Amino acid sequence: SGKGRFTISDDNGKNTVYLRMNSLKPE
């Protein structure tokens, strides 16, 4: 997933963490 497809980020103001997932695969 680290091959440019997934990105973890956060927003301290919203107290929220995100996982952006691109080029999704059935697996």
mmCIF file of all heavy atoms, coordinates in Angstrom:
data_MODEL
# 
_entry.id   MODEL 
# 
loop_
_atom_site.group_PDB 
_atom_site.id 
_atom_site.type_symbol 
_atom_site.label_atom_id 
_atom_site.label_alt_id 
_atom_site.label_comp_id 
_atom_site.label_asym_id 
_atom_site.label_entity_id 
_atom_site.label_seq_id 
_atom_site.pdbx_PDB_ins_code 
_atom_site.Cartn_x 
_atom_site.Cartn_y 
_atom_site.Cartn_z 
_atom_site.occupancy 
_atom_site.B_iso_or_equiv 
_atom_site.pdbx_formal_charge 
_atom_site.auth_seq_id 
_atom_site.auth_comp_id 
_atom_site.auth_asym_id 
_atom_site.auth_atom_id 
_atom_site.pdbx_PDB_model_num 
ATOM 1   N N   . SER A 1 1  ? 0.826   -1.204 0.000  1.00 0.00 ? 1  SER A N   1 
ATOM 2   C CA  . SER A 1 1  ? 0.000   0.000  0.000  1.00 0.00 ? 1  SER A CA  1 
ATOM 3   C C   . SER A 1 1  ? 0.855   1.247  0.000  1.00 0.00 ? 1  SER A C   1 
ATOM 4   O O   . SER A 1 1  ? 0.390   2.321  -0.343 1.00 0.00 ? 1  SER A O   1 
ATOM 5   C CB  . SER A 1 1  ? -0.943  -0.002 1.199  1.00 0.00 ? 1  SER A CB  1 
ATOM 6   O OG  . SER A 1 1  ? -0.211  -0.034 2.405  1.00 0.00 ? 1  SER A OG  1 
ATOM 7   N N   . GLY A 1 2  ? 2.125   1.108  0.402  1.00 0.00 ? 2  GLY A N   1 
ATOM 8   C CA  . GLY A 1 2  ? 3.003   2.263  0.433  1.00 0.00 ? 2  GLY A CA  1 
ATOM 9   C C   . GLY A 1 2  ? 3.512   2.666  -0.928 1.00 0.00 ? 2  GLY A C   1 
ATOM 10  O O   . GLY A 1 2  ? 4.156   3.696  -1.062 1.00 0.00 ? 2  GLY A O   1 
ATOM 11  N N   . LYS A 1 3  ? 3.216   1.907  -1.954 1.00 0.00 ? 3  LYS A N   1 
ATOM 12  C CA  . LYS A 1 3  ? 3.697   2.251  -3.286 1.00 0.00 ? 3  LYS A CA  1 
ATOM 13  C C   . LYS A 1 3  ? 2.833   3.334  -3.903 1.00 0.00 ? 3  LYS A C   1 
ATOM 14  O O   . LYS A 1 3  ? 2.296   3.193  -4.989 1.00 0.00 ? 3  LYS A O   1 
ATOM 15  C CB  . LYS A 1 3  ? 3.700   1.005  -4.165 1.00 0.00 ? 3  LYS A CB  1 
ATOM 16  C CG  . LYS A 1 3  ? 4.711   -0.045 -3.706 1.00 0.00 ? 3  LYS A CG  1 
ATOM 17  C CD  . LYS A 1 3  ? 4.667   -1.273 -4.590 1.00 0.00 ? 3  LYS A CD  1 
ATOM 18  C CE  . LYS A 1 3  ? 5.645   -2.341 -4.103 1.00 0.00 ? 3  LYS A CE  1 
ATOM 19  N NZ  . LYS A 1 3  ? 5.587   -3.558 -4.914 1.00 0.00 ? 3  LYS A NZ  1 
ATOM 20  N N   . GLY A 1 4  ? 2.687   4.427  -3.175 1.00 0.00 ? 4  GLY A N   1 
ATOM 21  C CA  . GLY A 1 4  ? 1.971   5.580  -3.686 1.00 0.00 ? 4  GLY A CA  1 
ATOM 22  C C   . GLY A 1 4  ? 0.465   5.460  -3.693 1.00 0.00 ? 4  GLY A C   1 
ATOM 23  O O   . GLY A 1 4  ? -0.205  6.366  -4.165 1.00 0.00 ? 4  GLY A O   1 
ATOM 24  N N   . ARG A 1 5  ? -0.087  4.384  -3.186 1.00 0.00 ? 5  ARG A N   1 
ATOM 25  C CA  . ARG A 1 5  ? -1.545  4.233  -3.242 1.00 0.00 ? 5  ARG A CA  1 
ATOM 26  C C   . ARG A 1 5  ? -2.240  4.751  -1.996 1.00 0.00 ? 5  ARG A C   1 
ATOM 27  O O   . ARG A 1 5  ? -3.331  5.307  -2.078 1.00 0.00 ? 5  ARG A O   1 
ATOM 28  C CB  . ARG A 1 5  ? -1.906  2.759  -3.440 1.00 0.00 ? 5  ARG A CB  1 
ATOM 29  C CG  . ARG A 1 5  ? -1.443  2.166  -4.757 1.00 0.00 ? 5  ARG A CG  1 
ATOM 30  C CD  . ARG A 1 5  ? -2.200  0.895  -5.087 1.00 0.00 ? 5  ARG A CD  1 
ATOM 31  N NE  . ARG A 1 5  ? -2.127  -0.100 -4.028 1.00 0.00 ? 5  ARG A NE  1 
ATOM 32  C CZ  . ARG A 1 5  ? -3.209  -0.655 -3.460 1.00 0.00 ? 5  ARG A CZ  1 
ATOM 33  N NH1 . ARG A 1 5  ? -4.421  -0.297 -3.838 1.00 0.00 ? 5  ARG A NH1 1 
ATOM 34  N NH2 . ARG A 1 5  ? -3.057  -1.583 -2.523 1.00 0.00 ? 5  ARG A NH2 1 
ATOM 35  N N   . PHE A 1 6  ? -1.643  4.550  -0.832 1.00 0.00 ? 6  PHE A N   1 
ATOM 36  C CA  . PHE A 1 6  ? -2.280  4.953  0.422  1.00 0.00 ? 6  PHE A CA  1 
ATOM 37  C C   . PHE A 1 6  ? -1.515  6.108  1.048  1.00 0.00 ? 6  PHE A C   1 
ATOM 38  O O   . PHE A 1 6  ? -0.282  6.144  0.995  1.00 0.00 ? 6  PHE A O   1 
ATOM 39  C CB  . PHE A 1 6  ? -2.308  3.780  1.410  1.00 0.00 ? 6  PHE A CB  1 
ATOM 40  C CG  . PHE A 1 6  ? -3.237  2.649  1.031  1.00 0.00 ? 6  PHE A CG  1 
ATOM 41  C CD1 . PHE A 1 6  ? -3.962  2.671  -0.140 1.00 0.00 ? 6  PHE A CD1 1 
ATOM 42  C CD2 . PHE A 1 6  ? -3.361  1.570  1.873  1.00 0.00 ? 6  PHE A CD2 1 
ATOM 43  C CE1 . PHE A 1 6  ? -4.821  1.633  -0.472 1.00 0.00 ? 6  PHE A CE1 1 
ATOM 44  C CE2 . PHE A 1 6  ? -4.216  0.514  1.554  1.00 0.00 ? 6  PHE A CE2 1 
ATOM 45  C CZ  . PHE A 1 6  ? -4.938  0.541  0.380  1.00 0.00 ? 6  PHE A CZ  1 
ATOM 46  N N   . THR A 1 7  ? -2.253  7.006  1.673  1.00 0.00 ? 7  THR A N   1 
ATOM 47  C CA  . THR A 1 7  ? -1.647  8.132  2.370  1.00 0.00 ? 7  THR A CA  1 
ATOM 48  C C   . THR A 1 7  ? -2.343  8.342  3.706  1.00 0.00 ? 7  THR A C   1 
ATOM 49  O O   . THR A 1 7  ? -3.570  8.466  3.749  1.00 0.00 ? 7  THR A O   1 
ATOM 50  C CB  . THR A 1 7  ? -1.751  9.427  1.551  1.00 0.00 ? 7  THR A CB  1 
ATOM 51  O OG1 . THR A 1 7  ? -1.156  9.239  0.267  1.00 0.00 ? 7  THR A OG1 1 
ATOM 52  C CG2 . THR A 1 7  ? -1.050  10.569 2.269  1.00 0.00 ? 7  THR A CG2 1 
ATOM 53  N N   . ILE A 1 8  ? -1.559  8.370  4.764  1.00 0.00 ? 8  ILE A N   1 
ATOM 54  C CA  . ILE A 1 8  ? -2.103  8.654  6.091  1.00 0.00 ? 8  ILE A CA  1 
ATOM 55  C C   . ILE A 1 8  ? -1.843  10.116 6.407  1.00 0.00 ? 8  ILE A C   1 
ATOM 56  O O   . ILE A 1 8  ? -0.791  10.669 6.074  1.00 0.00 ? 8  ILE A O   1 
ATOM 57  C CB  . ILE A 1 8  ? -1.478  7.727  7.165  1.00 0.00 ? 8  ILE A CB  1 
ATOM 58  C CG1 . ILE A 1 8  ? -2.162  7.922  8.514  1.00 0.00 ? 8  ILE A CG1 1 
ATOM 59  C CG2 . ILE A 1 8  ? 0.024   7.926  7.277  1.00 0.00 ? 8  ILE A CG2 1 
ATOM 60  C CD1 . ILE A 1 8  ? -1.741  6.904  9.561  1.00 0.00 ? 8  ILE A CD1 1 
ATOM 61  N N   . SER A 1 9  ? -2.828  10.747 7.038  1.00 0.00 ? 9  SER A N   1 
ATOM 62  C CA  . SER A 1 9  ? -2.688  12.149 7.411  1.00 0.00 ? 9  SER A CA  1 
ATOM 63  C C   . SER A 1 9  ? -3.569  12.410 8.617  1.00 0.00 ? 9  SER A C   1 
ATOM 64  O O   . SER A 1 9  ? -4.366  11.562 9.016  1.00 0.00 ? 9  SER A O   1 
ATOM 65  C CB  . SER A 1 9  ? -3.078  13.069 6.253  1.00 0.00 ? 9  SER A CB  1 
ATOM 66  O OG  . SER A 1 9  ? -4.436  12.891 5.914  1.00 0.00 ? 9  SER A OG  1 
ATOM 67  N N   . ASP A 1 10 ? -3.402  13.596 9.188  1.00 0.00 ? 10 ASP A N   1 
ATOM 68  C CA  . ASP A 1 10 ? -4.244  13.931 10.322 1.00 0.00 ? 10 ASP A CA  1 
ATOM 69  C C   . ASP A 1 10 ? -4.620  15.398 10.316 1.00 0.00 ? 10 ASP A C   1 
ATOM 70  O O   . ASP A 1 10 ? -4.054  16.211 9.587  1.00 0.00 ? 10 ASP A O   1 
ATOM 71  C CB  . ASP A 1 10 ? -3.576  13.550 11.653 1.00 0.00 ? 10 ASP A CB  1 
ATOM 72  C CG  . ASP A 1 10 ? -2.303  14.337 11.923 1.00 0.00 ? 10 ASP A CG  1 
ATOM 73  O OD1 . ASP A 1 10 ? -1.961  15.253 11.153 1.00 0.00 ? 10 ASP A OD1 1 
ATOM 74  O OD2 . ASP A 1 10 ? -1.635  14.018 12.929 1.00 0.00 ? 10 ASP A OD2 1 
ATOM 75  N N   . ASP A 1 11 ? -5.630  15.724 11.098 1.00 0.00 ? 11 ASP A N   1 
ATOM 76  C CA  . ASP A 1 11 ? -6.084  17.095 11.281 1.00 0.00 ? 11 ASP A CA  1 
ATOM 77  C C   . ASP A 1 11 ? -6.277  17.267 12.780 1.00 0.00 ? 11 ASP A C   1 
ATOM 78  O O   . ASP A 1 11 ? -7.274  16.799 13.340 1.00 0.00 ? 11 ASP A O   1 
ATOM 79  C CB  . ASP A 1 11 ? -7.389  17.331 10.522 1.00 0.00 ? 11 ASP A CB  1 
ATOM 80  C CG  . ASP A 1 11 ? -7.854  18.773 10.602 1.00 0.00 ? 11 ASP A CG  1 
ATOM 81  O OD1 . ASP A 1 11 ? -7.536  19.460 11.603 1.00 0.00 ? 11 ASP A OD1 1 
ATOM 82  O OD2 . ASP A 1 11 ? -8.563  19.217 9.682  1.00 0.00 ? 11 ASP A OD2 1 
ATOM 83  N N   . ASN A 1 12 ? -5.304  17.883 13.420 1.00 0.00 ? 12 ASN A N   1 
ATOM 84  C CA  . ASN A 1 12 ? -5.378  18.024 14.877 1.00 0.00 ? 12 ASN A CA  1 
ATOM 85  C C   . ASN A 1 12 ? -6.569  18.865 15.301 1.00 0.00 ? 12 ASN A C   1 
ATOM 86  O O   . ASN A 1 12 ? -7.162  18.621 16.360 1.00 0.00 ? 12 ASN A O   1 
ATOM 87  C CB  . ASN A 1 12 ? -4.084  18.611 15.418 1.00 0.00 ? 12 ASN A CB  1 
ATOM 88  C CG  . ASN A 1 12 ? -2.947  17.612 15.414 1.00 0.00 ? 12 ASN A CG  1 
ATOM 89  O OD1 . ASN A 1 12 ? -3.010  16.581 16.073 1.00 0.00 ? 12 ASN A OD1 1 
ATOM 90  N ND2 . ASN A 1 12 ? -1.910  17.894 14.654 1.00 0.00 ? 12 ASN A ND2 1 
ATOM 91  N N   . GLY A 1 13 ? -6.949  19.837 14.480 1.00 0.00 ? 13 GLY A N   1 
ATOM 92  C CA  . GLY A 1 13 ? -8.093  20.665 14.808 1.00 0.00 ? 13 GLY A CA  1 
ATOM 93  C C   . GLY A 1 13 ? -9.382  19.879 14.875 1.00 0.00 ? 13 GLY A C   1 
ATOM 94  O O   . GLY A 1 13 ? -10.275 20.167 15.681 1.00 0.00 ? 13 GLY A O   1 
ATOM 95  N N   . LYS A 1 14 ? -9.486  18.858 14.028 1.00 0.00 ? 14 LYS A N   1 
ATOM 96  C CA  . LYS A 1 14 ? -10.669 18.003 14.011 1.00 0.00 ? 14 LYS A CA  1 
ATOM 97  C C   . LYS A 1 14 ? -10.456 16.738 14.823 1.00 0.00 ? 14 LYS A C   1 
ATOM 98  O O   . LYS A 1 14 ? -11.352 15.903 14.906 1.00 0.00 ? 14 LYS A O   1 
ATOM 99  C CB  . LYS A 1 14 ? -11.032 17.645 12.572 1.00 0.00 ? 14 LYS A CB  1 
ATOM 100 C CG  . LYS A 1 14 ? -11.479 18.842 11.747 1.00 0.00 ? 14 LYS A CG  1 
ATOM 101 C CD  . LYS A 1 14 ? -11.891 18.408 10.339 1.00 0.00 ? 14 LYS A CD  1 
ATOM 102 C CE  . LYS A 1 14 ? -12.374 19.620 9.546  1.00 0.00 ? 14 LYS A CE  1 
ATOM 103 N NZ  . LYS A 1 14 ? -12.778 19.248 8.166  1.00 0.00 ? 14 LYS A NZ  1 
ATOM 104 N N   . ASN A 1 15 ? -9.243  16.583 15.359 1.00 0.00 ? 15 ASN A N   1 
ATOM 105 C CA  . ASN A 1 15 ? -8.904  15.392 16.139 1.00 0.00 ? 15 ASN A CA  1 
ATOM 106 C C   . ASN A 1 15 ? -9.218  14.120 15.350 1.00 0.00 ? 15 ASN A C   1 
ATOM 107 O O   . ASN A 1 15 ? -9.799  13.155 15.874 1.00 0.00 ? 15 ASN A O   1 
ATOM 108 C CB  . ASN A 1 15 ? -9.652  15.369 17.482 1.00 0.00 ? 15 ASN A CB  1 
ATOM 109 C CG  . ASN A 1 15 ? -8.830  14.738 18.593 1.00 0.00 ? 15 ASN A CG  1 
ATOM 110 O OD1 . ASN A 1 15 ? -7.594  14.767 18.579 1.00 0.00 ? 15 ASN A OD1 1 
ATOM 111 N ND2 . ASN A 1 15 ? -9.503  14.174 19.577 1.00 0.00 ? 15 ASN A ND2 1 
ATOM 112 N N   . THR A 1 16 ? -8.800  14.129 14.100 1.00 0.00 ? 16 THR A N   1 
ATOM 113 C CA  . THR A 1 16 ? -9.155  13.055 13.177 1.00 0.00 ? 16 THR A CA  1 
ATOM 114 C C   . THR A 1 16 ? -7.935  12.631 12.366 1.00 0.00 ? 16 THR A C   1 
ATOM 115 O O   . THR A 1 16 ? -7.112  13.470 11.982 1.00 0.00 ? 16 THR A O   1 
ATOM 116 C CB  . THR A 1 16 ? -10.276 13.513 12.223 1.00 0.00 ? 16 THR A CB  1 
ATOM 117 O OG1 . THR A 1 16 ? -11.434 13.851 13.001 1.00 0.00 ? 16 THR A OG1 1 
ATOM 118 C CG2 . THR A 1 16 ? -10.646 12.435 11.237 1.00 0.00 ? 16 THR A CG2 1 
ATOM 119 N N   . VAL A 1 17 ? -7.858  11.337 12.111 1.00 0.00 ? 17 VAL A N   1 
ATOM 120 C CA  . VAL A 1 17 ? -6.823  10.763 11.258 1.00 0.00 ? 17 VAL A CA  1 
ATOM 121 C C   . VAL A 1 17 ? -7.501  10.203 10.012 1.00 0.00 ? 17 VAL A C   1 
ATOM 122 O O   . VAL A 1 17 ? -8.618  9.677  10.089 1.00 0.00 ? 17 VAL A O   1 
ATOM 123 C CB  . VAL A 1 17 ? -6.057  9.653  11.996 1.00 0.00 ? 17 VAL A CB  1 
ATOM 124 C CG1 . VAL A 1 17 ? -5.005  9.023  11.089 1.00 0.00 ? 17 VAL A CG1 1 
ATOM 125 C CG2 . VAL A 1 17 ? -5.392  10.215 13.237 1.00 0.00 ? 17 VAL A CG2 1 
ATOM 126 N N   . TYR A 1 18 ? -6.818  10.305 8.886  1.00 0.00 ? 18 TYR A N   1 
ATOM 127 C CA  . TYR A 1 18 ? -7.389  9.881  7.618  1.00 0.00 ? 18 TYR A CA  1 
ATOM 128 C C   . TYR A 1 18 ? -6.494  8.837  6.953  1.00 0.00 ? 18 TYR A C   1 
ATOM 129 O O   . TYR A 1 18 ? -5.289  8.793  7.160  1.00 0.00 ? 18 TYR A O   1 
ATOM 130 C CB  . TYR A 1 18 ? -7.534  11.066 6.675  1.00 0.00 ? 18 TYR A CB  1 
ATOM 131 C CG  . TYR A 1 18 ? -8.356  12.194 7.241  1.00 0.00 ? 18 TYR A CG  1 
ATOM 132 C CD1 . TYR A 1 18 ? -7.740  13.276 7.864  1.00 0.00 ? 18 TYR A CD1 1 
ATOM 133 C CD2 . TYR A 1 18 ? -9.748  12.174 7.164  1.00 0.00 ? 18 TYR A CD2 1 
ATOM 134 C CE1 . TYR A 1 18 ? -8.490  14.312 8.387  1.00 0.00 ? 18 TYR A CE1 1 
ATOM 135 C CE2 . TYR A 1 18 ? -10.510 13.210 7.697  1.00 0.00 ? 18 TYR A CE2 1 
ATOM 136 C CZ  . TYR A 1 18 ? -9.873  14.277 8.307  1.00 0.00 ? 18 TYR A CZ  1 
ATOM 137 O OH  . TYR A 1 18 ? -10.616 15.298 8.833  1.00 0.00 ? 18 TYR A OH  1 
ATOM 138 N N   . LEU A 1 19 ? -7.113  8.031  6.128  1.00 0.00 ? 19 LEU A N   1 
ATOM 139 C CA  . LEU A 1 19 ? -6.379  7.132  5.243  1.00 0.00 ? 19 LEU A CA  1 
ATOM 140 C C   . LEU A 1 19 ? -6.978  7.288  3.857  1.00 0.00 ? 19 LEU A C   1 
ATOM 141 O O   . LEU A 1 19 ? -8.099  6.883  3.596  1.00 0.00 ? 19 LEU A O   1 
ATOM 142 C CB  . LEU A 1 19 ? -6.482  5.679  5.693  1.00 0.00 ? 19 LEU A CB  1 
ATOM 143 C CG  . LEU A 1 19 ? -5.685  4.691  4.827  1.00 0.00 ? 19 LEU A CG  1 
ATOM 144 C CD1 . LEU A 1 19 ? -4.182  4.911  5.042  1.00 0.00 ? 19 LEU A CD1 1 
ATOM 145 C CD2 . LEU A 1 19 ? -6.053  3.247  5.153  1.00 0.00 ? 19 LEU A CD2 1 
ATOM 146 N N   . ARG A 1 20 ? -6.229  7.924  2.987  1.00 0.00 ? 20 ARG A N   1 
ATOM 147 C CA  . ARG A 1 20 ? -6.647  8.095  1.601  1.00 0.00 ? 20 ARG A CA  1 
ATOM 148 C C   . ARG A 1 20 ? -6.152  6.893  0.826  1.00 0.00 ? 20 ARG A C   1 
ATOM 149 O O   . ARG A 1 20 ? -4.957  6.594  0.828  1.00 0.00 ? 20 ARG A O   1 
ATOM 150 C CB  . ARG A 1 20 ? -6.063  9.376  1.020  1.00 0.00 ? 20 ARG A CB  1 
ATOM 151 C CG  . ARG A 1 20 ? -6.331  9.571  -0.471 1.00 0.00 ? 20 ARG A CG  1 
ATOM 152 C CD  . ARG A 1 20 ? -7.796  9.816  -0.767 1.00 0.00 ? 20 ARG A CD  1 
ATOM 153 N NE  . ARG A 1 20 ? -8.012  10.104 -2.196 1.00 0.00 ? 20 ARG A NE  1 
ATOM 154 C CZ  . ARG A 1 20 ? -9.211  10.334 -2.723 1.00 0.00 ? 20 ARG A CZ  1 
ATOM 155 N NH1 . ARG A 1 20 ? -10.295 10.318 -1.958 1.00 0.00 ? 20 ARG A NH1 1 
ATOM 156 N NH2 . ARG A 1 20 ? -9.319  10.586 -4.020 1.00 0.00 ? 20 ARG A NH2 1 
ATOM 157 N N   . MET A 1 21 ? -7.062  6.230  0.135  1.00 0.00 ? 21 MET A N   1 
ATOM 158 C CA  . MET A 1 21 ? -6.722  5.032  -0.623 1.00 0.00 ? 21 MET A CA  1 
ATOM 159 C C   . MET A 1 21 ? -7.060  5.253  -2.092 1.00 0.00 ? 21 MET A C   1 
ATOM 160 O O   . MET A 1 21 ? -8.228  5.480  -2.436 1.00 0.00 ? 21 MET A O   1 
ATOM 161 C CB  . MET A 1 21 ? -7.490  3.829  -0.076 1.00 0.00 ? 21 MET A CB  1 
ATOM 162 C CG  . MET A 1 21 ? -7.278  3.600  1.419  1.00 0.00 ? 21 MET A CG  1 
ATOM 163 S SD  . MET A 1 21 ? -8.053  2.101  2.026  1.00 0.00 ? 21 MET A SD  1 
ATOM 164 C CE  . MET A 1 21 ? -9.780  2.508  1.784  1.00 0.00 ? 21 MET A CE  1 
ATOM 165 N N   . ASN A 1 22 ? -6.063  5.210  -2.927 1.00 0.00 ? 22 ASN A N   1 
ATOM 166 C CA  . ASN A 1 22 ? -6.225  5.379  -4.372 1.00 0.00 ? 22 ASN A CA  1 
ATOM 167 C C   . ASN A 1 22 ? -5.932  4.070  -5.090 1.00 0.00 ? 22 ASN A C   1 
ATOM 168 O O   . ASN A 1 22 ? -5.338  3.151  -4.528 1.00 0.00 ? 22 ASN A O   1 
ATOM 169 C CB  . ASN A 1 22 ? -5.284  6.465  -4.881 1.00 0.00 ? 22 ASN A CB  1 
ATOM 170 C CG  . ASN A 1 22 ? -5.590  7.831  -4.322 1.00 0.00 ? 22 ASN A CG  1 
ATOM 171 O OD1 . ASN A 1 22 ? -6.747  8.176  -4.096 1.00 0.00 ? 22 ASN A OD1 1 
ATOM 172 N ND2 . ASN A 1 22 ? -4.551  8.618  -4.090 1.00 0.00 ? 22 ASN A ND2 1 
ATOM 173 N N   . SER A 1 23 ? -6.344  4.007  -6.341 1.00 0.00 ? 23 SER A N   1 
ATOM 174 C CA  . SER A 1 23 ? -6.079  2.837  -7.187 1.00 0.00 ? 23 SER A CA  1 
ATOM 175 C C   . SER A 1 23 ? -6.444  1.543  -6.459 1.00 0.00 ? 23 SER A C   1 
ATOM 176 O O   . SER A 1 23 ? -5.660  0.591  -6.393 1.00 0.00 ? 23 SER A O   1 
ATOM 177 C CB  . SER A 1 23 ? -4.607  2.819  -7.602 1.00 0.00 ? 23 SER A CB  1 
ATOM 178 O OG  . SER A 1 23 ? -4.264  4.004  -8.296 1.00 0.00 ? 23 SER A OG  1 
ATOM 179 N N   . LEU A 1 24 ? -7.637  1.524  -5.918 1.00 0.00 ? 24 LEU A N   1 
ATOM 180 C CA  . LEU A 1 24 ? -8.057  0.385  -5.109 1.00 0.00 ? 24 LEU A CA  1 
ATOM 181 C C   . LEU A 1 24 ? -8.079  -0.900 -5.916 1.00 0.00 ? 24 LEU A C   1 
ATOM 182 O O   . LEU A 1 24 ? -8.376  -0.901 -7.128 1.00 0.00 ? 24 LEU A O   1 
ATOM 183 C CB  . LEU A 1 24 ? -9.438  0.654  -4.508 1.00 0.00 ? 24 LEU A CB  1 
ATOM 184 C CG  . LEU A 1 24 ? -9.445  1.647  -3.336 1.00 0.00 ? 24 LEU A CG  1 
ATOM 185 C CD1 . LEU A 1 24 ? -10.853 2.145  -3.070 1.00 0.00 ? 24 LEU A CD1 1 
ATOM 186 C CD2 . LEU A 1 24 ? -8.846  1.003  -2.103 1.00 0.00 ? 24 LEU A CD2 1 
ATOM 187 N N   . LYS A 1 25 ? -7.751  -1.990 -5.225 1.00 0.00 ? 25 LYS A N   1 
ATOM 188 C CA  . LYS A 1 25 ? -7.739  -3.319 -5.816 1.00 0.00 ? 25 LYS A CA  1 
ATOM 189 C C   . LYS A 1 25 ? -8.699  -4.218 -5.044 1.00 0.00 ? 25 LYS A C   1 
ATOM 190 O O   . LYS A 1 25 ? -8.937  -3.987 -3.859 1.00 0.00 ? 25 LYS A O   1 
ATOM 191 C CB  . LYS A 1 25 ? -6.329  -3.904 -5.744 1.00 0.00 ? 25 LYS A CB  1 
ATOM 192 C CG  . LYS A 1 25 ? -5.244  -3.053 -6.367 1.00 0.00 ? 25 LYS A CG  1 
ATOM 193 C CD  . LYS A 1 25 ? -3.868  -3.656 -6.129 1.00 0.00 ? 25 LYS A CD  1 
ATOM 194 C CE  . LYS A 1 25 ? -2.761  -2.794 -6.717 1.00 0.00 ? 25 LYS A CE  1 
ATOM 195 N NZ  . LYS A 1 25 ? -1.412  -3.374 -6.472 1.00 0.00 ? 25 LYS A NZ  1 
ATOM 196 N N   . PRO A 1 26 ? -9.220  -5.251 -5.681 1.00 0.00 ? 26 PRO A N   1 
ATOM 197 C CA  . PRO A 1 26 ? -10.109 -6.168 -4.944 1.00 0.00 ? 26 PRO A CA  1 
ATOM 198 C C   . PRO A 1 26 ? -9.455  -6.738 -3.687 1.00 0.00 ? 26 PRO A C   1 
ATOM 199 O O   . PRO A 1 26 ? -10.141 -6.964 -2.684 1.00 0.00 ? 26 PRO A O   1 
ATOM 200 C CB  . PRO A 1 26 ? -10.404 -7.252 -5.980 1.00 0.00 ? 26 PRO A CB  1 
ATOM 201 C CG  . PRO A 1 26 ? -10.324 -6.532 -7.288 1.00 0.00 ? 26 PRO A CG  1 
ATOM 202 C CD  . PRO A 1 26 ? -9.189  -5.551 -7.117 1.00 0.00 ? 26 PRO A CD  1 
ATOM 203 N N   . GLU A 1 27 ? -8.154  -6.917 -3.724 1.00 0.00 ? 27 GLU A N   1 
ATOM 204 C CA  . GLU A 1 27 ? -7.450  -7.456 -2.549 1.00 0.00 ? 27 GLU A CA  1 
ATOM 205 C C   . GLU A 1 27 ? -7.351  -6.455 -1.404 1.00 0.00 ? 27 GLU A C   1 
ATOM 206 O O   . GLU A 1 27 ? -6.878  -6.798 -0.322 1.00 0.00 ? 27 GLU A O   1 
ATOM 207 C CB  . GLU A 1 27 ? -6.056  -7.958 -2.922 1.00 0.00 ? 27 GLU A CB  1 
ATOM 208 C CG  . GLU A 1 27 ? -5.216  -6.989 -3.717 1.00 0.00 ? 27 GLU A CG  1 
ATOM 209 C CD  . GLU A 1 27 ? -5.306  -7.244 -5.216 1.00 0.00 ? 27 GLU A CD  1 
ATOM 210 O OE1 . GLU A 1 27 ? -6.419  -7.486 -5.728 1.00 0.00 ? 27 GLU A OE1 1 
ATOM 211 O OE2 . GLU A 1 27 ? -4.239  -7.186 -5.874 1.00 0.00 ? 27 GLU A OE2 1 
# 
